[in-house]
Amino acid sequence: MACPNCGSENIQVVSESKGFGAGKGCCGFIIFGWVGLLCGLCGMGKSKIKRVCANCGNVMD
């Protein structure tokens, strides 16, 4: 696989994982109380894999 930006084949695979969503948890607490605080846990632990060109930094989802 080659980078569509620079044509390099020096591609790295990077995995991102989500943590606790403080913004969602805070808004949930204000609206729904303690149960809403658990809204910040929605999506926690899900990972997303991206390919990044090591030469130019182009990110390919």
PDB file of N, CA and C in Angstrom:
ATOM      1  N   MET A   1       0.847  -1.170   0.000  1.00  0.00           N
ATOM      2  CA  MET A   1       0.000   0.000   0.000  1.00  0.00           C
ATOM      3  C   MET A   1       0.897   1.238   0.000  1.00  0.00           C
ATOM      4  N   ALA A   2       0.549   2.190  -0.785  1.00  0.00           N
ATOM      5  CA  ALA A   2       1.313   3.432  -0.891  1.00  0.00           C
ATOM      6  C   ALA A   2       0.474   4.606  -0.403  1.00  0.00           C
ATOM      7  N   CYS A   3       1.143   5.613   0.113  1.00  0.00           N
ATOM      8  CA  CYS A   3       0.477   6.832   0.572  1.00  0.00           C
ATOM      9  C   CYS A   3      -0.073   7.584  -0.640  1.00  0.00           C
ATOM     10  N   PRO A   4      -1.348   7.979  -0.607  1.00  0.00           N
ATOM     11  CA  PRO A   4      -1.915   8.717  -1.733  1.00  0.00           C
ATOM     12  C   PRO A   4      -1.359  10.142  -1.844  1.00  0.00           C
ATOM     13  N   ASN A   5      -0.752  10.635  -0.774  1.00  0.00           N
ATOM     14  CA  ASN A   5      -0.222  12.001  -0.771  1.00  0.00           C
ATOM     15  C   ASN A   5       1.179  12.085  -1.368  1.00  0.00           C
ATOM     16  N   CYS A   6       2.106  11.197  -0.907  1.00  0.00           N
ATOM     17  CA  CYS A   6       3.490  11.301  -1.362  1.00  0.00           C
ATOM     18  C   CYS A   6       3.982  10.062  -2.113  1.00  0.00           C
ATOM     19  N   GLY A   7       3.203   8.972  -2.107  1.00  0.00           N
ATOM     20  CA  GLY A   7       3.575   7.760  -2.819  1.00  0.00           C
ATOM     21  C   GLY A   7       4.500   6.831  -2.050  1.00  0.00           C
ATOM     22  N   SER A   8       4.856   7.184  -0.820  1.00  0.00           N
ATOM     23  CA  SER A   8       5.751   6.367  -0.007  1.00  0.00           C
ATOM     24  C   SER A   8       5.046   5.092   0.445  1.00  0.00           C
ATOM     25  N   GLU A   9       5.808   4.018   0.610  1.00  0.00           N
ATOM     26  CA  GLU A   9       5.255   2.768   1.128  1.00  0.00           C
ATOM     27  C   GLU A   9       5.610   2.571   2.597  1.00  0.00           C
ATOM     28  N   ASN A  10       6.112   3.615   3.256  1.00  0.00           N
ATOM     29  CA  ASN A  10       6.480   3.560   4.665  1.00  0.00           C
ATOM     30  C   ASN A  10       5.245   3.944   5.498  1.00  0.00           C
ATOM     31  N   ILE A  11       4.316   2.985   5.628  1.00  0.00           N
ATOM     32  CA  ILE A  11       3.037   3.210   6.301  1.00  0.00           C
ATOM     33  C   ILE A  11       3.053   2.495   7.651  1.00  0.00           C
ATOM     34  N   GLN A  12       2.581   3.191   8.692  1.00  0.00           N
ATOM     35  CA  GLN A  12       2.483   2.600  10.023  1.00  0.00           C
ATOM     36  C   GLN A  12       1.014   2.500  10.416  1.00  0.00           C
ATOM     37  N   VAL A  13       0.673   1.429  11.134  1.00  0.00           N
ATOM     38  CA  VAL A  13      -0.688   1.226  11.619  1.00  0.00           C
ATOM     39  C   VAL A  13      -0.735   1.672  13.072  1.00  0.00           C
ATOM     40  N   VAL A  14      -1.675   2.584  13.378  1.00  0.00           N
ATOM     41  CA  VAL A  14      -1.805   3.140  14.717  1.00  0.00           C
ATOM     42  C   VAL A  14      -3.205   2.833  15.233  1.00  0.00           C
ATOM     43  N   SER A  15      -3.299   2.385  16.486  1.00  0.00           N
ATOM     44  CA  SER A  15      -4.589   2.081  17.102  1.00  0.00           C
ATOM     45  C   SER A  15      -4.875   3.106  18.186  1.00  0.00           C
ATOM     46  N   GLU A  16      -6.052   3.720  18.128  1.00  0.00           N
ATOM     47  CA  GLU A  16      -6.496   4.667  19.144  1.00  0.00           C
ATOM     48  C   GLU A  16      -7.637   4.043  19.921  1.00  0.00           C
ATOM     49  N   SER A  17      -7.604   4.170  21.245  1.00  0.00           N
ATOM     50  CA  SER A  17      -8.732   3.689  22.034  1.00  0.00           C
ATOM     51  C   SER A  17      -9.299   4.842  22.846  1.00  0.00           C
ATOM     52  N   LYS A  18     -10.593   4.842  23.001  1.00  0.00           N
ATOM     53  CA  LYS A  18     -11.273   5.909  23.713  1.00  0.00           C
ATOM     54  C   LYS A  18     -11.321   5.600  25.197  1.00  0.00           C
ATOM     55  N   GLY A  19     -11.290   6.644  25.991  1.00  0.00           N
ATOM     56  CA  GLY A  19     -11.424   6.530  27.429  1.00  0.00           C
ATOM     57  C   GLY A  19     -12.746   7.118  27.878  1.00  0.00           C
ATOM     58  N   PHE A  20     -12.798   7.515  29.135  1.00  0.00           N
ATOM     59  CA  PHE A  20     -14.001   8.111  29.703  1.00  0.00           C
ATOM     60  C   PHE A  20     -14.246   9.466  29.067  1.00  0.00           C
ATOM     61  N   GLY A  21     -15.461   9.713  28.595  1.00  0.00           N
ATOM     62  CA  GLY A  21     -15.827  10.993  27.999  1.00  0.00           C
ATOM     63  C   GLY A  21     -16.275  11.956  29.077  1.00  0.00           C
ATOM     64  N   ALA A  22     -15.363  12.822  29.525  1.00  0.00           N
ATOM     65  CA  ALA A  22     -15.666  13.737  30.616  1.00  0.00           C
ATOM     66  C   ALA A  22     -16.790  14.706  30.249  1.00  0.00           C
ATOM     67  N   GLY A  23     -16.798  15.170  29.008  1.00  0.00           N
ATOM     68  CA  GLY A  23     -17.853  16.096  28.584  1.00  0.00           C
ATOM     69  C   GLY A  23     -19.223  15.451  28.607  1.00  0.00           C
ATOM     70  N   LYS A  24     -19.306  14.225  28.074  1.00  0.00           N
ATOM     71  CA  LYS A  24     -20.596  13.511  28.072  1.00  0.00           C
ATOM     72  C   LYS A  24     -21.020  13.174  29.495  1.00  0.00           C
ATOM     73  N   GLY A  25     -20.062  12.792  30.330  1.00  0.00           N
ATOM     74  CA  GLY A  25     -20.381  12.444  31.716  1.00  0.00           C
ATOM     75  C   GLY A  25     -20.877  13.644  32.497  1.00  0.00           C
ATOM     76  N   CYS A  26     -20.244  14.797  32.290  1.00  0.00           N
ATOM     77  CA  CYS A  26     -20.623  16.017  32.998  1.00  0.00           C
ATOM     78  C   CYS A  26     -22.019  16.488  32.575  1.00  0.00           C
ATOM     79  N   CYS A  27     -22.257  16.505  31.263  1.00  0.00           N
ATOM     80  CA  CYS A  27     -23.584  16.904  30.774  1.00  0.00           C
ATOM     81  C   CYS A  27     -24.651  15.926  31.246  1.00  0.00           C
ATOM     82  N   GLY A  28     -24.330  14.647  31.222  1.00  0.00           N
ATOM     83  CA  GLY A  28     -25.279  13.640  31.685  1.00  0.00           C
ATOM     84  C   GLY A  28     -25.610  13.806  33.150  1.00  0.00           C
ATOM     85  N   PHE A  29     -24.596  14.177  33.956  1.00  0.00           N
ATOM     86  CA  PHE A  29     -24.820  14.384  35.388  1.00  0.00           C
ATOM     87  C   PHE A  29     -25.730  15.577  35.633  1.00  0.00           C
ATOM     88  N   ILE A  30     -25.514  16.653  34.872  1.00  0.00           N
ATOM     89  CA  ILE A  30     -26.341  17.853  35.036  1.00  0.00           C
ATOM     90  C   ILE A  30     -27.786  17.573  34.651  1.00  0.00           C
ATOM     91  N   ILE A  31     -27.999  16.824  33.578  1.00  0.00           N
ATOM     92  CA  ILE A  31     -29.353  16.586  33.086  1.00  0.00           C
ATOM     93  C   ILE A  31     -30.052  15.451  33.835  1.00  0.00           C
ATOM     94  N   PHE A  32     -29.343  14.318  34.040  1.00  0.00           N
ATOM     95  CA  PHE A  32     -29.989  13.124  34.581  1.00  0.00           C
ATOM     96  C   PHE A  32     -29.506  12.702  35.964  1.00  0.00           C
ATOM     97  N   GLY A  33     -28.565  13.419  36.539  1.00  0.00           N
ATOM     98  CA  GLY A  33     -28.058  13.051  37.862  1.00  0.00           C
ATOM     99  C   GLY A  33     -26.999  11.970  37.759  1.00  0.00           C
ATOM    100  N   TRP A  34     -26.902  11.166  38.812  1.00  0.00           N
ATOM    101  CA  TRP A  34     -25.845  10.143  38.873  1.00  0.00           C
ATOM    102  C   TRP A  34     -25.942   9.116  37.755  1.00  0.00           C
ATOM    103  N   VAL A  35     -27.146   8.808  37.328  1.00  0.00           N
ATOM    104  CA  VAL A  35     -27.302   7.850  36.232  1.00  0.00           C
ATOM    105  C   VAL A  35     -26.724   8.441  34.945  1.00  0.00           C
ATOM    106  N   GLY A  36     -26.893   9.732  34.757  1.00  0.00           N
ATOM    107  CA  GLY A  36     -26.359  10.395  33.576  1.00  0.00           C
ATOM    108  C   GLY A  36     -24.847  10.423  33.541  1.00  0.00           C
ATOM    109  N   LEU A  37     -24.215  10.329  34.714  1.00  0.00           N
ATOM    110  CA  LEU A  37     -22.762  10.287  34.769  1.00  0.00           C
ATOM    111  C   LEU A  37     -22.230   9.070  34.020  1.00  0.00           C
ATOM    112  N   LEU A  38     -23.003   8.017  33.995  1.00  0.00           N
ATOM    113  CA  LEU A  38     -22.613   6.800  33.278  1.00  0.00           C
ATOM    114  C   LEU A  38     -22.623   6.999  31.768  1.00  0.00           C
ATOM    115  N   CYS A  39     -23.256   8.067  31.284  1.00  0.00           N
ATOM    116  CA  CYS A  39     -23.245   8.356  29.853  1.00  0.00           C
ATOM    117  C   CYS A  39     -21.824   8.572  29.340  1.00  0.00           C
ATOM    118  N   GLY A  40     -20.943   9.006  30.222  1.00  0.00           N
ATOM    119  CA  GLY A  40     -19.545   9.195  29.838  1.00  0.00           C
ATOM    120  C   GLY A  40     -18.847   7.892  29.520  1.00  0.00           C
ATOM    121  N   LEU A  41     -19.422   6.777  29.940  1.00  0.00           N
ATOM    122  CA  LEU A  41     -18.837   5.472  29.655  1.00  0.00           C
ATOM    123  C   LEU A  41     -19.217   4.950  28.276  1.00  0.00           C
ATOM    124  N   CYS A  42     -20.200   5.587  27.624  1.00  0.00           N
ATOM    125  CA  CYS A  42     -20.628   5.148  26.297  1.00  0.00           C
ATOM    126  C   CYS A  42     -19.479   5.284  25.312  1.00  0.00           C
ATOM    127  N   GLY A  43     -19.136   4.220  24.653  1.00  0.00           N
ATOM    128  CA  GLY A  43     -18.059   4.228  23.678  1.00  0.00           C
ATOM    129  C   GLY A  43     -16.689   3.983  24.267  1.00  0.00           C
ATOM    130  N   MET A  44     -16.599   3.826  25.580  1.00  0.00           N
ATOM    131  CA  MET A  44     -15.306   3.606  26.224  1.00  0.00           C
ATOM    132  C   MET A  44     -14.752   2.240  25.833  1.00  0.00           C
ATOM    133  N   GLY A  45     -13.498   2.183  25.532  1.00  0.00           N
ATOM    134  CA  GLY A  45     -12.840   0.928  25.199  1.00  0.00           C
ATOM    135  C   GLY A  45     -12.870   0.577  23.725  1.00  0.00           C
ATOM    136  N   LYS A  46     -13.607   1.321  22.927  1.00  0.00           N
ATOM    137  CA  LYS A  46     -13.634   1.058  21.488  1.00  0.00           C
ATOM    138  C   LYS A  46     -12.344   1.582  20.869  1.00  0.00           C
ATOM    139  N   SER A  47     -11.822   0.859  19.929  1.00  0.00           N
ATOM    140  CA  SER A  47     -10.584   1.306  19.297  1.00  0.00           C
ATOM    141  C   SER A  47     -10.805   1.580  17.817  1.00  0.00           C
ATOM    142  N   LYS A  48     -10.001   2.471  17.296  1.00  0.00           N
ATOM    143  CA  LYS A  48     -10.072   2.844  15.897  1.00  0.00           C
ATOM    144  C   LYS A  48      -8.676   2.684  15.314  1.00  0.00           C
ATOM    145  N   ILE A  49      -8.590   2.043  14.180  1.00  0.00           N
ATOM    146  CA  ILE A  49      -7.300   1.791  13.550  1.00  0.00           C
ATOM    147  C   ILE A  49      -7.103   2.789  12.410  1.00  0.00           C
ATOM    148  N   LYS A  50      -5.934   3.442  12.411  1.00  0.00           N
ATOM    149  CA  LYS A  50      -5.591   4.396  11.368  1.00  0.00           C
ATOM    150  C   LYS A  50      -4.264   3.993  10.751  1.00  0.00           C
ATOM    151  N   ARG A  51      -4.081   4.352   9.512  1.00  0.00           N
ATOM    152  CA  ARG A  51      -2.799   4.163   8.833  1.00  0.00           C
ATOM    153  C   ARG A  51      -2.178   5.539   8.657  1.00  0.00           C
ATOM    154  N   VAL A  52      -0.908   5.677   9.050  1.00  0.00           N
ATOM    155  CA  VAL A  52      -0.223   6.960   8.996  1.00  0.00           C
ATOM    156  C   VAL A  52       1.056   6.819   8.177  1.00  0.00           C
ATOM    157  N   CYS A  53       1.269   7.720   7.252  1.00  0.00           N
ATOM    158  CA  CYS A  53       2.490   7.722   6.464  1.00  0.00           C
ATOM    159  C   CYS A  53       3.618   8.283   7.342  1.00  0.00           C
ATOM    160  N   ALA A  54       4.711   7.522   7.457  1.00  0.00           N
ATOM    161  CA  ALA A  54       5.831   7.937   8.279  1.00  0.00           C
ATOM    162  C   ALA A  54       6.642   9.050   7.620  1.00  0.00           C
ATOM    163  N   ASN A  55       6.480   9.262   6.318  1.00  0.00           N
ATOM    164  CA  ASN A  55       7.254  10.289   5.628  1.00  0.00           C
ATOM    165  C   ASN A  55       6.565  11.659   5.679  1.00  0.00           C
ATOM    166  N   CYS A  56       5.274  11.714   5.328  1.00  0.00           N
ATOM    167  CA  CYS A  56       4.605  13.018   5.255  1.00  0.00           C
ATOM    168  C   CYS A  56       3.563  13.232   6.361  1.00  0.00           C
ATOM    169  N   GLY A  57       3.221  12.192   7.111  1.00  0.00           N
ATOM    170  CA  GLY A  57       2.251  12.334   8.208  1.00  0.00           C
ATOM    171  C   GLY A  57       0.806  12.265   7.769  1.00  0.00           C
ATOM    172  N   ASN A  58       0.533  11.918   6.526  1.00  0.00           N
ATOM    173  CA  ASN A  58      -0.843  11.802   6.026  1.00  0.00           C
ATOM    174  C   ASN A  58      -1.562  10.677   6.772  1.00  0.00           C
ATOM    175  N   VAL A  59      -2.783  10.963   7.242  1.00  0.00           N
ATOM    176  CA  VAL A  59      -3.577   9.971   7.975  1.00  0.00           C
ATOM    177  C   VAL A  59      -4.637   9.391   7.048  1.00  0.00           C
ATOM    178  N   MET A  60      -4.659   8.065   6.958  1.00  0.00           N
ATOM    179  CA  MET A  60      -5.638   7.359   6.124  1.00  0.00           C
ATOM    180  C   MET A  60      -6.545   6.539   7.048  1.00  0.00           C
ATOM    181  N   ASP A  61      -7.828   6.860   7.088  1.00  0.00           N
ATOM    182  CA  ASP A  61      -8.771   6.134   7.954  1.00  0.00           C
ATOM    183  C   ASP A  61      -9.196   4.833   7.356  1.00  0.00           C
TER     184      ASP A  61
END
